[in-house]
PDB file of N, CA and C in Angstrom:
ATOM      1  N   UNK A   1      36.798 -13.632-129.411  1.00  0.00           N
ATOM      2  CA  UNK A   1      37.970 -12.952-128.960  1.00  0.00           C
ATOM      3  C   UNK A   1      39.219 -13.548-129.614  1.00  0.00           C
ATOM      4  N   UNK A   2      40.306 -13.601-128.765  1.00  0.00           N
ATOM      5  CA  UNK A   2      41.569 -14.115-129.292  1.00  0.00           C
ATOM      6  C   UNK A   2      41.663 -15.606-129.027  1.00  0.00           C
ATOM      7  N   UNK A   3      42.208 -16.284-129.973  1.00  0.00           N
ATOM      8  CA  UNK A   3      42.470 -17.698-129.725  1.00  0.00           C
ATOM      9  C   UNK A   3      43.818 -17.827-129.017  1.00  0.00           C
ATOM     10  N   UNK A   4      44.132 -19.026-128.613  1.00  0.00           N
ATOM     11  CA  UNK A   4      45.327 -19.249-127.807  1.00  0.00           C
ATOM     12  C   UNK A   4      46.608 -18.869-128.559  1.00  0.00           C
ATOM     13  N   UNK A   5      46.699 -19.132-129.841  1.00  0.00           N
ATOM     14  CA  UNK A   5      47.885 -18.797-130.631  1.00  0.00           C
ATOM     15  C   UNK A   5      48.045 -17.295-130.791  1.00  0.00           C
ATOM     16  N   UNK A   6      46.940 -16.586-131.009  1.00  0.00           N
ATOM     17  CA  UNK A   6      47.011 -15.125-131.157  1.00  0.00           C
ATOM     18  C   UNK A   6      47.408 -14.464-129.845  1.00  0.00           C
ATOM     19  N   UNK A   7      46.910 -15.024-128.763  1.00  0.00           N
ATOM     20  CA  UNK A   7      47.248 -14.467-127.445  1.00  0.00           C
ATOM     21  C   UNK A   7      48.753 -14.628-127.195  1.00  0.00           C
ATOM     22  N   UNK A   8      49.328 -15.761-127.514  1.00  0.00           N
ATOM     23  CA  UNK A   8      50.757 -15.986-127.335  1.00  0.00           C
ATOM     24  C   UNK A   8      51.575 -15.040-128.218  1.00  0.00           C
ATOM     25  N   UNK A   9      51.122 -14.834-129.451  1.00  0.00           N
ATOM     26  CA  UNK A   9      51.815 -13.925-130.357  1.00  0.00           C
ATOM     27  C   UNK A   9      51.776 -12.496-129.829  1.00  0.00           C
ATOM     28  N   UNK A  10      50.633 -12.075-129.321  1.00  0.00           N
ATOM     29  CA  UNK A  10      50.493 -10.733-128.740  1.00  0.00           C
ATOM     30  C   UNK A  10      51.395 -10.579-127.515  1.00  0.00           C
ATOM     31  N   UNK A  11      51.445 -11.577-126.660  1.00  0.00           N
ATOM     32  CA  UNK A  11      52.305 -11.536-125.466  1.00  0.00           C
ATOM     33  C   UNK A  11      53.782 -11.468-125.877  1.00  0.00           C
ATOM     34  N   UNK A  12      54.131 -12.195-126.926  1.00  0.00           N
ATOM     35  CA  UNK A  12      55.506 -12.175-127.417  1.00  0.00           C
ATOM     36  C   UNK A  12      55.882 -10.790-127.929  1.00  0.00           C
ATOM     37  N   UNK A  13      55.000 -10.149-128.652  1.00  0.00           N
ATOM     38  CA  UNK A  13      55.261  -8.794-129.174  1.00  0.00           C
ATOM     39  C   UNK A  13      55.389  -7.789-128.035  1.00  0.00           C
ATOM     40  N   UNK A  14      54.533  -7.912-127.034  1.00  0.00           N
ATOM     41  CA  UNK A  14      54.597  -7.007-125.881  1.00  0.00           C
ATOM     42  C   UNK A  14      55.937  -7.181-125.161  1.00  0.00           C
ATOM     43  N   UNK A  15      56.371  -8.425-124.984  1.00  0.00           N
ATOM     44  CA  UNK A  15      57.652  -8.678-124.313  1.00  0.00           C
ATOM     45  C   UNK A  15      58.828  -8.153-125.128  1.00  0.00           C
ATOM     46  N   UNK A  16      58.757  -8.309-126.451  1.00  0.00           N
ATOM     47  CA  UNK A  16      59.824  -7.782-127.309  1.00  0.00           C
ATOM     48  C   UNK A  16      59.900  -6.262-127.180  1.00  0.00           C
ATOM     49  N   UNK A  17      58.744  -5.610-127.176  1.00  0.00           N
ATOM     50  CA  UNK A  17      58.713  -4.147-127.033  1.00  0.00           C
ATOM     51  C   UNK A  17      59.260  -3.714-125.667  1.00  0.00           C
ATOM     52  N   UNK A  18      58.914  -4.423-124.612  1.00  0.00           N
ATOM     53  CA  UNK A  18      59.433  -4.100-123.272  1.00  0.00           C
ATOM     54  C   UNK A  18      60.951  -4.291-123.223  1.00  0.00           C
ATOM     55  N   UNK A  19      61.433  -5.351-123.864  1.00  0.00           N
ATOM     56  CA  UNK A  19      62.885  -5.583-123.899  1.00  0.00           C
ATOM     57  C   UNK A  19      63.612  -4.473-124.654  1.00  0.00           C
ATOM     58  N   UNK A  20      63.017  -3.986-125.743  1.00  0.00           N
ATOM     59  CA  UNK A  20      63.619  -2.864-126.487  1.00  0.00           C
ATOM     60  C   UNK A  20      63.706  -1.616-125.616  1.00  0.00           C
ATOM     61  N   UNK A  21      62.639  -1.330-124.898  1.00  0.00           N
ATOM     62  CA  UNK A  21      62.621  -0.147-124.028  1.00  0.00           C
ATOM     63  C   UNK A  21      63.680  -0.273-122.921  1.00  0.00           C
ATOM     64  N   UNK A  22      63.753  -1.453-122.319  1.00  0.00           N
ATOM     65  CA  UNK A  22      64.755  -1.672-121.266  1.00  0.00           C
ATOM     66  C   UNK A  22      66.164  -1.537-121.829  1.00  0.00           C
ATOM     67  N   UNK A  23      66.368  -2.080-123.011  1.00  0.00           N
ATOM     68  CA  UNK A  23      67.684  -1.991-123.645  1.00  0.00           C
ATOM     69  C   UNK A  23      68.050  -0.537-123.949  1.00  0.00           C
ATOM     70  N   UNK A  24      67.075   0.243-124.435  1.00  0.00           N
ATOM     71  CA  UNK A  24      67.317   1.660-124.725  1.00  0.00           C
ATOM     72  C   UNK A  24      67.635   2.428-123.442  1.00  0.00           C
ATOM     73  N   UNK A  25      66.908   2.149-122.372  1.00  0.00           N
ATOM     74  CA  UNK A  25      67.169   2.833-121.111  1.00  0.00           C
ATOM     75  C   UNK A  25      68.535   2.426-120.538  1.00  0.00           C
ATOM     76  N   UNK A  26      68.890   1.157-120.684  1.00  0.00           N
ATOM     77  CA  UNK A  26      70.196   0.689-120.234  1.00  0.00           C
ATOM     78  C   UNK A  26      71.326   1.384-120.992  1.00  0.00           C
ATOM     79  N   UNK A  27      71.175   1.534-122.300  1.00  0.00           N
ATOM     80  CA  UNK A  27      72.196   2.239-123.088  1.00  0.00           C
ATOM     81  C   UNK A  27      72.306   3.703-122.674  1.00  0.00           C
ATOM     82  N   UNK A  28      71.149   4.320-122.404  1.00  0.00           N
ATOM     83  CA  UNK A  28      71.158   5.721-121.955  1.00  0.00           C
ATOM     84  C   UNK A  28      71.889   5.846-120.615  1.00  0.00           C
ATOM     85  N   UNK A  29      71.612   4.928-119.705  1.00  0.00           N
ATOM     86  CA  UNK A  29      72.285   4.958-118.403  1.00  0.00           C
ATOM     87  C   UNK A  29      73.785   4.719-118.545  1.00  0.00           C
ATOM     88  N   UNK A  30      74.179   3.851-119.459  1.00  0.00           N
ATOM     89  CA  UNK A  30      75.600   3.610-119.689  1.00  0.00           C
ATOM     90  C   UNK A  30      76.289   4.858-120.242  1.00  0.00           C
ATOM     91  N   UNK A  31      75.624   5.564-121.166  1.00  0.00           N
ATOM     92  CA  UNK A  31      76.189   6.814-121.696  1.00  0.00           C
ATOM     93  C   UNK A  31      76.319   7.860-120.591  1.00  0.00           C
ATOM     94  N   UNK A  32      75.277   7.963-119.751  1.00  0.00           N
ATOM     95  CA  UNK A  32      75.328   8.916-118.640  1.00  0.00           C
ATOM     96  C   UNK A  32      76.480   8.589-117.685  1.00  0.00           C
ATOM     97  N   UNK A  33      76.677   7.295-117.425  1.00  0.00           N
ATOM     98  CA  UNK A  33      77.761   6.880-116.553  1.00  0.00           C
ATOM     99  C   UNK A  33      79.118   7.219-117.164  1.00  0.00           C
ATOM    100  N   UNK A  34      79.286   6.990-118.443  1.00  0.00           N
ATOM    101  CA  UNK A  34      80.543   7.325-119.111  1.00  0.00           C
ATOM    102  C   UNK A  34      80.802   8.825-119.093  1.00  0.00           C
ATOM    103  N   UNK A  35      79.734   9.623-119.304  1.00  0.00           N
ATOM    104  CA  UNK A  35      79.883  11.082-119.237  1.00  0.00           C
ATOM    105  C   UNK A  35      80.304  11.523-117.839  1.00  0.00           C
ATOM    106  N   UNK A  36      79.668  10.949-116.827  1.00  0.00           N
ATOM    107  CA  UNK A  36      80.008  11.312-115.444  1.00  0.00           C
ATOM    108  C   UNK A  36      81.452  10.907-115.133  1.00  0.00           C
ATOM    109  N   UNK A  37      81.884   9.757-115.623  1.00  0.00           N
ATOM    110  CA  UNK A  37      83.257   9.323-115.382  1.00  0.00           C
ATOM    111  C   UNK A  37      84.258  10.247-116.076  1.00  0.00           C
ATOM    112  N   UNK A  38      83.952  10.672-117.287  1.00  0.00           N
ATOM    113  CA  UNK A  38      84.875  11.570-117.990  1.00  0.00           C
ATOM    114  C   UNK A  38      84.948  12.932-117.296  1.00  0.00           C
ATOM    115  N   UNK A  39      83.803  13.429-116.791  1.00  0.00           N
ATOM    116  CA  UNK A  39      83.816  14.684-116.040  1.00  0.00           C
ATOM    117  C   UNK A  39      84.620  14.535-114.755  1.00  0.00           C
ATOM    118  N   UNK A  40      84.456  13.397-114.087  1.00  0.00           N
ATOM    119  CA  UNK A  40      85.209  13.130-112.860  1.00  0.00           C
ATOM    120  C   UNK A  40      86.704  13.080-113.144  1.00  0.00           C
ATOM    121  N   UNK A  41      87.089  12.442-114.237  1.00  0.00           N
ATOM    122  CA  UNK A  41      88.503  12.379-114.604  1.00  0.00           C
ATOM    123  C   UNK A  41      89.062  13.766-114.893  1.00  0.00           C
ATOM    124  N   UNK A  42      88.271  14.597-115.574  1.00  0.00           N
ATOM    125  CA  UNK A  42      88.719  15.961-115.877  1.00  0.00           C
ATOM    126  C   UNK A  42      88.896  16.773-114.596  1.00  0.00           C
ATOM    127  N   UNK A  43      87.955  16.631-113.653  1.00  0.00           N
ATOM    128  CA  UNK A  43      88.083  17.334-112.375  1.00  0.00           C
ATOM    129  C   UNK A  43      89.307  16.847-111.603  1.00  0.00           C
ATOM    130  N   UNK A  44      89.541  15.550-111.647  1.00  0.00           N
ATOM    131  CA  UNK A  44      90.688  14.984-110.948  1.00  0.00           C
ATOM    132  C   UNK A  44      91.998  15.549-111.494  1.00  0.00           C
ATOM    133  N   UNK A  45      92.087  15.666-112.811  1.00  0.00           N
ATOM    134  CA  UNK A  45      93.291  16.237-113.435  1.00  0.00           C
ATOM    135  C   UNK A  45      93.459  17.693-112.993  1.00  0.00           C
ATOM    136  N   UNK A  46      92.355  18.432-112.979  1.00  0.00           N
ATOM    137  CA  UNK A  46      92.401  19.843-112.568  1.00  0.00           C
ATOM    138  C   UNK A  46      92.853  19.966-111.111  1.00  0.00           C
ATOM    139  N   UNK A  47      92.278  19.134-110.234  1.00  0.00           N
ATOM    140  CA  UNK A  47      92.654  19.193-108.819  1.00  0.00           C
ATOM    141  C   UNK A  47      94.114  18.813-108.611  1.00  0.00           C
ATOM    142  N   UNK A  48      94.582  17.818-109.334  1.00  0.00           N
ATOM    143  CA  UNK A  48      95.997  17.435-109.197  1.00  0.00           C
ATOM    144  C   UNK A  48      96.916  18.556-109.665  1.00  0.00           C
ATOM    145  N   UNK A  49      96.528  19.235-110.745  1.00  0.00           N
ATOM    146  CA  UNK A  49      97.342  20.339-111.256  1.00  0.00           C
ATOM    147  C   UNK A  49      97.383  21.482-110.240  1.00  0.00           C
ATOM    148  N   UNK A  50      96.210  21.841-109.684  1.00  0.00           N
ATOM    149  CA  UNK A  50      96.166  22.906-108.681  1.00  0.00           C
ATOM    150  C   UNK A  50      96.974  22.521-107.443  1.00  0.00           C
ATOM    151  N   UNK A  51      96.860  21.264-107.027  1.00  0.00           N
ATOM    152  CA  UNK A  51      97.610  20.801-105.865  1.00  0.00           C
ATOM    153  C   UNK A  51      99.109  20.936-106.106  1.00  0.00           C
ATOM    154  N   UNK A  52      99.560  20.536-107.287  1.00  0.00           N
ATOM    155  CA  UNK A  52     100.983  20.623-107.598  1.00  0.00           C
ATOM    156  C   UNK A  52     101.445  22.074-107.634  1.00  0.00           C
ATOM    157  N   UNK A  53     100.603  22.980-108.154  1.00  0.00           N
ATOM    158  CA  UNK A  53     100.963  24.403-108.181  1.00  0.00           C
ATOM    159  C   UNK A  53     101.109  24.953-106.764  1.00  0.00           C
ATOM    160  N   UNK A  54     100.197  24.563-105.873  1.00  0.00           N
ATOM    161  CA  UNK A  54     100.265  25.039-104.485  1.00  0.00           C
ATOM    162  C   UNK A  54     101.507  24.477-103.797  1.00  0.00           C
ATOM    163  N   UNK A  55     101.793  23.207-104.030  1.00  0.00           N
ATOM    164  CA  UNK A  55     102.987  22.604-103.436  1.00  0.00           C
ATOM    165  C   UNK A  55     104.240  23.319-103.938  1.00  0.00           C
ATOM    166  N   UNK A  56     104.304  23.607-105.232  1.00  0.00           N
ATOM    167  CA  UNK A  56     105.458  24.331-105.791  1.00  0.00           C
ATOM    168  C   UNK A  56     105.588  25.723-105.182  1.00  0.00           C
ATOM    169  N   UNK A  57     104.457  26.409-105.022  1.00  0.00           N
ATOM    170  CA  UNK A  57     104.472  27.754-104.446  1.00  0.00           C
ATOM    171  C   UNK A  57     104.961  27.717-102.993  1.00  0.00           C
ATOM    172  N   UNK A  58     104.466  26.758-102.222  1.00  0.00           N
ATOM    173  CA  UNK A  58     104.900  26.658-100.825  1.00  0.00           C
ATOM    174  C   UNK A  58     106.382  26.276-100.727  1.00  0.00           C
ATOM    175  N   UNK A  59     106.834  25.417-101.614  1.00  0.00           N
ATOM    176  CA  UNK A  59     108.250  25.043-101.626  1.00  0.00           C
ATOM    177  C   UNK A  59     109.115  26.257-101.944  1.00  0.00           C
ATOM    178  N   UNK A  60     108.672  27.062-102.893  1.00  0.00           N
ATOM    179  CA  UNK A  60     109.417  28.278-103.244  1.00  0.00           C
ATOM    180  C   UNK A  60     109.460  29.243-102.061  1.00  0.00           C
ATOM    181  N   UNK A  61     108.330  29.424-101.381  1.00  0.00           N
ATOM    182  CA  UNK A  61     108.309  30.313-100.213  1.00  0.00           C
ATOM    183  C   UNK A  61     109.215  29.787 -99.112  1.00  0.00           C
ATOM    184  N   UNK A  62     109.219  28.483 -98.918  1.00  0.00           N
ATOM    185  CA  UNK A  62     110.081  27.892 -97.905  1.00  0.00           C
ATOM    186  C   UNK A  62     111.548  28.103 -98.249  1.00  0.00           C
ATOM    187  N   UNK A  63     111.902  27.947 -99.522  1.00  0.00           N
ATOM    188  CA  UNK A  63     113.281  28.203 -99.954  1.00  0.00           C
ATOM    189  C   UNK A  63     113.673  29.656 -99.713  1.00  0.00           C
ATOM    190  N   UNK A  64     112.745  30.581-100.011  1.00  0.00           N
ATOM    191  CA  UNK A  64     113.026  32.000 -99.786  1.00  0.00           C
ATOM    192  C   UNK A  64     113.236  32.282 -98.296  1.00  0.00           C
ATOM    193  N   UNK A  65     112.428  31.643 -97.451  1.00  0.00           N
ATOM    194  CA  UNK A  65     112.589  31.837 -96.010  1.00  0.00           C
ATOM    195  C   UNK A  65     113.946  31.315 -95.532  1.00  0.00           C
ATOM    196  N   UNK A  66     114.351  30.167 -96.069  1.00  0.00           N
ATOM    197  CA  UNK A  66     115.664  29.639 -95.692  1.00  0.00           C
ATOM    198  C   UNK A  66     116.782  30.582 -96.138  1.00  0.00           C
ATOM    199  N   UNK A  67     116.651  31.158 -97.332  1.00  0.00           N
ATOM    200  CA  UNK A  67     117.663  32.106 -97.809  1.00  0.00           C
ATOM    201  C   UNK A  67     117.711  33.344 -96.917  1.00  0.00           C
ATOM    202  N   UNK A  68     116.518  33.863 -96.552  1.00  0.00           N
ATOM    203  CA  UNK A  68     116.478  35.038 -95.669  1.00  0.00           C
ATOM    204  C   UNK A  68     117.077  34.703 -94.309  1.00  0.00           C
ATOM    205  N   UNK A  69     116.769  33.533 -93.822  1.00  0.00           N
ATOM    206  CA  UNK A  69     117.306  33.135 -92.519  1.00  0.00           C
ATOM    207  C   UNK A  69     118.821  33.062 -92.563  1.00  0.00           C
ATOM    208  N   UNK A  70     119.362  32.499 -93.640  1.00  0.00           N
ATOM    209  CA  UNK A  70     120.813  32.415 -93.756  1.00  0.00           C
ATOM    210  C   UNK A  70     121.435  33.792 -93.935  1.00  0.00           C
ATOM    211  N   UNK A  71     120.740  34.656 -94.662  1.00  0.00           N
ATOM    212  CA  UNK A  71     121.278  35.991 -94.939  1.00  0.00           C
ATOM    213  C   UNK A  71     121.293  36.850 -93.675  1.00  0.00           C
ATOM    214  N   UNK A  72     120.202  36.772 -92.891  1.00  0.00           N
ATOM    215  CA  UNK A  72     120.078  37.646 -91.732  1.00  0.00           C
ATOM    216  C   UNK A  72     120.345  36.943 -90.408  1.00  0.00           C
ATOM    217  N   UNK A  73     120.825  35.740 -90.437  1.00  0.00           N
ATOM    218  CA  UNK A  73     121.129  35.040 -89.191  1.00  0.00           C
ATOM    219  C   UNK A  73     122.295  35.720 -88.503  1.00  0.00           C
ATOM    220  N   UNK A  74     122.225  35.831 -87.202  1.00  0.00           N
ATOM    221  CA  UNK A  74     123.331  36.481 -86.505  1.00  0.00           C
ATOM    222  C   UNK A  74     124.573  35.602 -86.572  1.00  0.00           C
ATOM    223  N   UNK A  75     125.720  36.240 -86.675  1.00  0.00           N
ATOM    224  CA  UNK A  75     126.954  35.444 -86.731  1.00  0.00           C
ATOM    225  C   UNK A  75     127.194  34.756 -85.392  1.00  0.00           C
ATOM    226  N   UNK A  76     127.843  33.651 -85.458  1.00  0.00           N
ATOM    227  CA  UNK A  76     128.175  32.925 -84.232  1.00  0.00           C
ATOM    228  C   UNK A  76     129.399  33.596 -83.612  1.00  0.00           C
ATOM    229  N   UNK A  77     129.235  34.053 -82.397  1.00  0.00           N
ATOM    230  CA  UNK A  77     130.311  34.765 -81.696  1.00  0.00           C
ATOM    231  C   UNK A  77     130.970  33.792 -80.735  1.00  0.00           C
ATOM    232  N   UNK A  78     132.266  33.629 -80.914  1.00  0.00           N
ATOM    233  CA  UNK A  78     133.043  32.769 -80.025  1.00  0.00           C
ATOM    234  C   UNK A  78     133.631  33.656 -78.944  1.00  0.00           C
ATOM    235  N   UNK A  79     133.316  33.380 -77.681  1.00  0.00           N
ATOM    236  CA  UNK A  79     133.864  34.228 -76.611  1.00  0.00           C
ATOM    237  C   UNK A  79     135.387  34.106 -76.550  1.00  0.00           C
ATOM    238  N   UNK A  80     136.029  35.220 -76.374  1.00  0.00           N
ATOM    239  CA  UNK A  80     137.480  35.242 -76.243  1.00  0.00           C
ATOM    240  C   UNK A  80     137.863  36.405 -75.335  1.00  0.00           C
ATOM    241  N   UNK A  81     139.033  36.386 -74.928  1.00  0.00           N
ATOM    242  CA  UNK A  81     139.476  37.478 -74.068  1.00  0.00           C
ATOM    243  C   UNK A  81     139.848  38.663 -74.954  1.00  0.00           C
ATOM    244  N   UNK A  82     139.409  39.836 -74.568  1.00  0.00           N
ATOM    245  CA  UNK A  82     139.658  41.034 -75.354  1.00  0.00           C
ATOM    246  C   UNK A  82     140.844  41.788 -74.759  1.00  0.00           C
ATOM    247  N   UNK A  83     141.709  42.315 -75.626  1.00  0.00           N
ATOM    248  CA  UNK A  83     142.815  43.144 -75.114  1.00  0.00           C
ATOM    249  C   UNK A  83     142.267  44.495 -74.669  1.00  0.00           C
ATOM    250  N   UNK A  84     143.015  45.176 -73.910  1.00  0.00           N
ATOM    251  CA  UNK A  84     142.588  46.498 -73.474  1.00  0.00           C
ATOM    252  C   UNK A  84     142.491  47.415 -74.696  1.00  0.00           C
ATOM    253  N   UNK A  85     141.483  48.275 -74.744  1.00  0.00           N
ATOM    254  CA  UNK A  85     141.287  49.100 -75.938  1.00  0.00           C
ATOM    255  C   UNK A  85     142.416  50.097 -76.121  1.00  0.00           C
ATOM    256  N   UNK A  86     142.752  50.293 -77.363  1.00  0.00           N
ATOM    257  CA  UNK A  86     143.752  51.299 -77.714  1.00  0.00           C
ATOM    258  C   UNK A  86     143.015  52.584 -78.053  1.00  0.00           C
ATOM    259  N   UNK A  87     143.795  53.616 -78.383  1.00  0.00           N
ATOM    260  CA  UNK A  87     143.175  54.903 -78.677  1.00  0.00           C
ATOM    261  C   UNK A  87     142.253  54.830 -79.891  1.00  0.00           C
ATOM    262  N   UNK A  88     142.615  54.066 -80.930  1.00  0.00           N
ATOM    263  CA  UNK A  88     141.781  53.996 -82.137  1.00  0.00           C
ATOM    264  C   UNK A  88     140.516  53.168 -81.907  1.00  0.00           C
ATOM    265  N   UNK A  89     140.536  52.315 -80.900  1.00  0.00           N
ATOM    266  CA  UNK A  89     139.366  51.472 -80.655  1.00  0.00           C
ATOM    267  C   UNK A  89     138.377  52.119 -79.699  1.00  0.00           C
ATOM    268  N   UNK A  90     138.721  53.198 -79.073  1.00  0.00           N
ATOM    269  CA  UNK A  90     137.825  53.784 -78.080  1.00  0.00           C
ATOM    270  C   UNK A  90     136.591  54.406 -78.703  1.00  0.00           C
ATOM    271  N   UNK A  91     136.671  54.864 -79.952  1.00  0.00           N
ATOM    272  CA  UNK A  91     135.517  55.486 -80.605  1.00  0.00           C
ATOM    273  C   UNK A  91     134.643  54.465 -81.351  1.00  0.00           C
ATOM    274  N   UNK A  92     134.984  53.208 -81.283  1.00  0.00           N
ATOM    275  CA  UNK A  92     134.243  52.173 -81.994  1.00  0.00           C
ATOM    276  C   UNK A  92     133.373  51.411 -80.991  1.00  0.00           C
ATOM    277  N   UNK A  93     132.134  51.227 -81.335  1.00  0.00           N
ATOM    278  CA  UNK A  93     131.276  50.421 -80.459  1.00  0.00           C
ATOM    279  C   UNK A  93     130.367  49.563 -81.331  1.00  0.00           C
ATOM    280  N   UNK A  94     129.784  48.581 -80.732  1.00  0.00           N
ATOM    281  CA  UNK A  94     128.883  47.666 -81.455  1.00  0.00           C
ATOM    282  C   UNK A  94     127.443  48.059 -81.179  1.00  0.00           C
ATOM    283  N   UNK A  95     126.638  47.969 -82.206  1.00  0.00           N
ATOM    284  CA  UNK A  95     125.216  48.242 -82.058  1.00  0.00           C
ATOM    285  C   UNK A  95     124.441  47.015 -82.528  1.00  0.00           C
ATOM    286  N   UNK A  96     123.341  46.773 -81.901  1.00  0.00           N
ATOM    287  CA  UNK A  96     122.491  45.667 -82.315  1.00  0.00           C
ATOM    288  C   UNK A  96     121.495  46.206 -83.330  1.00  0.00           C
ATOM    289  N   UNK A  97     121.484  45.599 -84.490  1.00  0.00           N
ATOM    290  CA  UNK A  97     120.575  46.015 -85.558  1.00  0.00           C
ATOM    291  C   UNK A  97     119.433  45.004 -85.585  1.00  0.00           C
ATOM    292  N   UNK A  98     118.222  45.500 -85.467  1.00  0.00           N
ATOM    293  CA  UNK A  98     117.053  44.615 -85.493  1.00  0.00           C
ATOM    294  C   UNK A  98     116.309  44.851 -86.798  1.00  0.00           C
ATOM    295  N   UNK A  99     116.060  43.798 -87.508  1.00  0.00           N
ATOM    296  CA  UNK A  99     115.320  43.866 -88.757  1.00  0.00           C
ATOM    297  C   UNK A  99     114.051  43.046 -88.594  1.00  0.00           C
ATOM    298  N   UNK A 100     112.937  43.618 -88.960  1.00  0.00           N
ATOM    299  CA  UNK A 100     111.669  42.889 -88.881  1.00  0.00           C
ATOM    300  C   UNK A 100     111.208  42.578 -90.296  1.00  0.00           C
ATOM    301  N   UNK A 101     110.931  41.338 -90.527  1.00  0.00           N
ATOM    302  CA  UNK A 101     110.436  40.893 -91.827  1.00  0.00           C
ATOM    303  C   UNK A 101     109.013  40.409 -91.623  1.00  0.00           C
ATOM    304  N   UNK A 102     108.108  40.913 -92.425  1.00  0.00           N
ATOM    305  CA  UNK A 102     106.712  40.503 -92.313  1.00  0.00           C
ATOM    306  C   UNK A 102     106.380  39.581 -93.483  1.00  0.00           C
ATOM    307  N   UNK A 103     105.914  38.375 -93.172  1.00  0.00           N
ATOM    308  CA  UNK A 103     105.577  37.382 -94.184  1.00  0.00           C
ATOM    309  C   UNK A 103     104.065  37.236 -94.244  1.00  0.00           C
ATOM    310  N   UNK A 104     103.543  37.122 -95.455  1.00  0.00           N
ATOM    311  CA  UNK A 104     102.099  36.944 -95.617  1.00  0.00           C
ATOM    312  C   UNK A 104     101.850  35.634 -96.345  1.00  0.00           C
ATOM    313  N   UNK A 105     100.920  34.861 -95.802  1.00  0.00           N
ATOM    314  CA  UNK A 105     100.540  33.607 -96.434  1.00  0.00           C
ATOM    315  C   UNK A 105      99.069  33.364 -96.165  1.00  0.00           C
ATOM    316  N   UNK A 106      98.268  33.313 -97.201  1.00  0.00           N
ATOM    317  CA  UNK A 106      96.828  33.065 -97.116  1.00  0.00           C
ATOM    318  C   UNK A 106      96.144  33.978 -96.099  1.00  0.00           C
ATOM    319  N   UNK A 107      96.466  35.260 -96.134  1.00  0.00           N
ATOM    320  CA  UNK A 107      95.790  36.218 -95.275  1.00  0.00           C
ATOM    321  C   UNK A 107      96.371  36.317 -93.874  1.00  0.00           C
ATOM    322  N   UNK A 108      97.274  35.459 -93.501  1.00  0.00           N
ATOM    323  CA  UNK A 108      97.891  35.506 -92.176  1.00  0.00           C
ATOM    324  C   UNK A 108      99.267  36.137 -92.322  1.00  0.00           C
ATOM    325  N   UNK A 109      99.629  36.979 -91.372  1.00  0.00           N
ATOM    326  CA  UNK A 109     100.956  37.579 -91.447  1.00  0.00           C
ATOM    327  C   UNK A 109     101.750  37.178 -90.209  1.00  0.00           C
ATOM    328  N   UNK A 110     103.022  37.013 -90.399  1.00  0.00           N
ATOM    329  CA  UNK A 110     103.913  36.613 -89.322  1.00  0.00           C
ATOM    330  C   UNK A 110     105.118  37.544 -89.356  1.00  0.00           C
ATOM    331  N   UNK A 111     105.519  38.020 -88.219  1.00  0.00           N
ATOM    332  CA  UNK A 111     106.676  38.905 -88.133  1.00  0.00           C
ATOM    333  C   UNK A 111     107.855  38.112 -87.591  1.00  0.00           C
ATOM    334  N   UNK A 112     108.975  38.242 -88.252  1.00  0.00           N
ATOM    335  CA  UNK A 112     110.205  37.590 -87.810  1.00  0.00           C
ATOM    336  C   UNK A 112     111.211  38.693 -87.517  1.00  0.00           C
ATOM    337  N   UNK A 113     111.769  38.673 -86.327  1.00  0.00           N
ATOM    338  CA  UNK A 113     112.772  39.668 -85.976  1.00  0.00           C
ATOM    339  C   UNK A 113     114.139  39.022 -86.005  1.00  0.00           C
ATOM    340  N   UNK A 114     115.005  39.632 -86.740  1.00  0.00           N
ATOM    341  CA  UNK A 114     116.367  39.141 -86.870  1.00  0.00           C
ATOM    342  C   UNK A 114     117.311  40.175 -86.272  1.00  0.00           C
ATOM    343  N   UNK A 115     118.218  39.732 -85.435  1.00  0.00           N
ATOM    344  CA  UNK A 115     119.169  40.636 -84.815  1.00  0.00           C
ATOM    345  C   UNK A 115     120.565  40.308 -85.298  1.00  0.00           C
ATOM    346  N   UNK A 116     121.313  41.321 -85.587  1.00  0.00           N
ATOM    347  CA  UNK A 116     122.712  41.115 -85.975  1.00  0.00           C
ATOM    348  C   UNK A 116     123.549  42.219 -85.322  1.00  0.00           C
ATOM    349  N   UNK A 117     124.795  41.924 -85.144  1.00  0.00           N
ATOM    350  CA  UNK A 117     125.710  42.899 -84.549  1.00  0.00           C
ATOM    351  C   UNK A 117     126.382  43.690 -85.654  1.00  0.00           C
ATOM    352  N   UNK A 118     126.382  44.967 -85.525  1.00  0.00           N
ATOM    353  CA  UNK A 118     127.058  45.818 -86.489  1.00  0.00           C
ATOM    354  C   UNK A 118     127.923  46.821 -85.759  1.00  0.00           C
ATOM    355  N   UNK A 119     128.976  47.291 -86.372  1.00  0.00           N
ATOM    356  CA  UNK A 119     129.847  48.257 -85.689  1.00  0.00           C
ATOM    357  C   UNK A 119     129.631  49.627 -86.296  1.00  0.00           C
ATOM    358  N   UNK A 120     129.778  50.627 -85.446  1.00  0.00           N
ATOM    359  CA  UNK A 120     129.627  52.022 -85.894  1.00  0.00           C
ATOM    360  C   UNK A 120     130.802  52.819 -85.452  1.00  0.00           C
TER     361      UNK A 120
END
């Protein structure tokens, strides 16, 4: 059979071959890990971009709501004593104008009623 020196040489070759296989598998796993990390980074960039777009859209809608509120807000009426009506004032009266604004956001709708005083 094999003598002691040949057996050691054979064992050494087997170990070298096993080390090569382990090294190749380790390199493959490292490449897979790098690929997964790059995909994760790309997804993270995409999610951050989408998040920023949604935040910008909501900020714009909020600004529009504030503008509408300021535009259709009822004027502040300071109570005062009124003089007796004259002939030209008898045909004038105040009417309450109600405006309904319907807002839609992600499938939900909200109605806002704004009242203002107008004269006719």
